[in-house]
C-alpha cells in the first residue's frame, strides 16, 4: 500500500508541476524542500511526511487530496 501511495503521489506531483510549468528546482524553492528530496519523491523512492505533502500542495496551489 505504501508503494502504491508513493507512486500515485509521484505521478500527481509531476502532472501538477508540468501544468504549472515548474522545474523541480522551482518547486523546491517554492516549497522549501530541497531539489534532491523533490526528485526522490517524484521517483517514488521515499515516502514524504504529511507536512511535506502539505508544503508541496501549497507550492503547487492544489489541495492535499489532489496529490
Protein backbone atom coordinates (compact mmCIF):
# COMPACT_ATOMS: atom_id res chain seq x y z
CA UNK A 1 0.00 0.00 0.00
CA UNK A 2 2.81 2.41 0.83
CA UNK A 3 4.48 1.82 -2.55
CA UNK A 4 1.19 2.49 -4.32
CA UNK A 5 0.81 5.75 -2.39
CA UNK A 6 4.34 6.83 -3.32
CA UNK A 7 3.77 6.02 -7.00
CA UNK A 8 0.45 7.88 -7.15
CA UNK A 9 1.86 10.88 -5.32
CA UNK A 10 4.86 10.94 -7.67
CA UNK A 11 2.63 10.86 -10.73
CA UNK A 12 0.29 13.55 -9.42
CA UNK A 13 3.19 15.79 -8.47
CA UNK A 14 4.76 15.51 -11.92
CA UNK A 15 1.43 16.24 -13.61
CA UNK A 16 0.69 19.28 -11.44
CA UNK A 17 4.24 20.57 -11.76
CA UNK A 18 4.05 20.26 -15.55
CA UNK A 19 0.69 22.05 -15.62
CA UNK A 20 2.30 24.95 -13.81
CA UNK A 21 5.43 24.79 -15.99
CA UNK A 22 7.64 24.44 -12.93
CA UNK A 23 11.01 22.77 -12.77
CA UNK A 24 11.87 20.58 -9.81
CA UNK A 25 14.24 23.31 -8.69
CA UNK A 26 11.49 25.95 -8.76
CA UNK A 27 9.10 23.65 -6.88
CA UNK A 28 11.85 23.08 -4.32
CA UNK A 29 12.28 26.82 -3.90
CA UNK A 30 8.54 27.44 -3.56
CA UNK A 31 8.02 24.59 -1.10
CA UNK A 32 11.17 25.00 0.96
CA UNK A 33 12.15 21.38 0.27
CA UNK A 34 15.49 20.53 -1.32
CA UNK A 35 15.50 19.79 -5.04
CA UNK A 36 17.18 16.47 -4.26
CA UNK A 37 14.30 15.46 -2.00
CA UNK A 38 11.70 16.59 -4.58
CA UNK A 39 13.44 14.31 -7.09
CA UNK A 40 13.32 11.36 -4.67
CA UNK A 41 9.61 11.95 -4.03
CA UNK A 42 8.85 12.22 -7.77
CA UNK A 43 10.72 8.96 -8.38
CA UNK A 44 8.68 7.28 -5.61
CA UNK A 45 11.88 6.45 -3.73
CA UNK A 46 10.76 7.95 -0.43
CA UNK A 47 7.51 8.45 1.44
CA UNK A 48 7.21 12.10 2.44
CA UNK A 49 5.67 13.15 5.73
CA UNK A 50 2.19 14.66 5.76
CA UNK A 51 3.80 18.05 6.40
CA UNK A 52 5.95 17.78 3.26
CA UNK A 53 2.92 16.77 1.18
CA UNK A 54 1.15 19.85 2.58
CA UNK A 55 4.11 22.09 1.65
CA UNK A 56 4.22 20.65 -1.88
CA UNK A 57 0.45 21.05 -2.34
CA UNK A 58 0.66 24.64 -1.14
CA UNK A 59 3.56 25.38 -3.53
CA UNK A 60 1.59 23.85 -6.42
CA UNK A 61 -1.59 25.69 -5.33
CA UNK A 62 -3.61 22.48 -5.15
CA UNK A 63 -5.35 20.61 -2.34
CA UNK A 64 -3.54 17.86 -0.50
CA UNK A 65 -6.30 15.50 -1.66
CA UNK A 66 -5.46 16.16 -5.30
CA UNK A 67 -1.94 14.88 -4.75
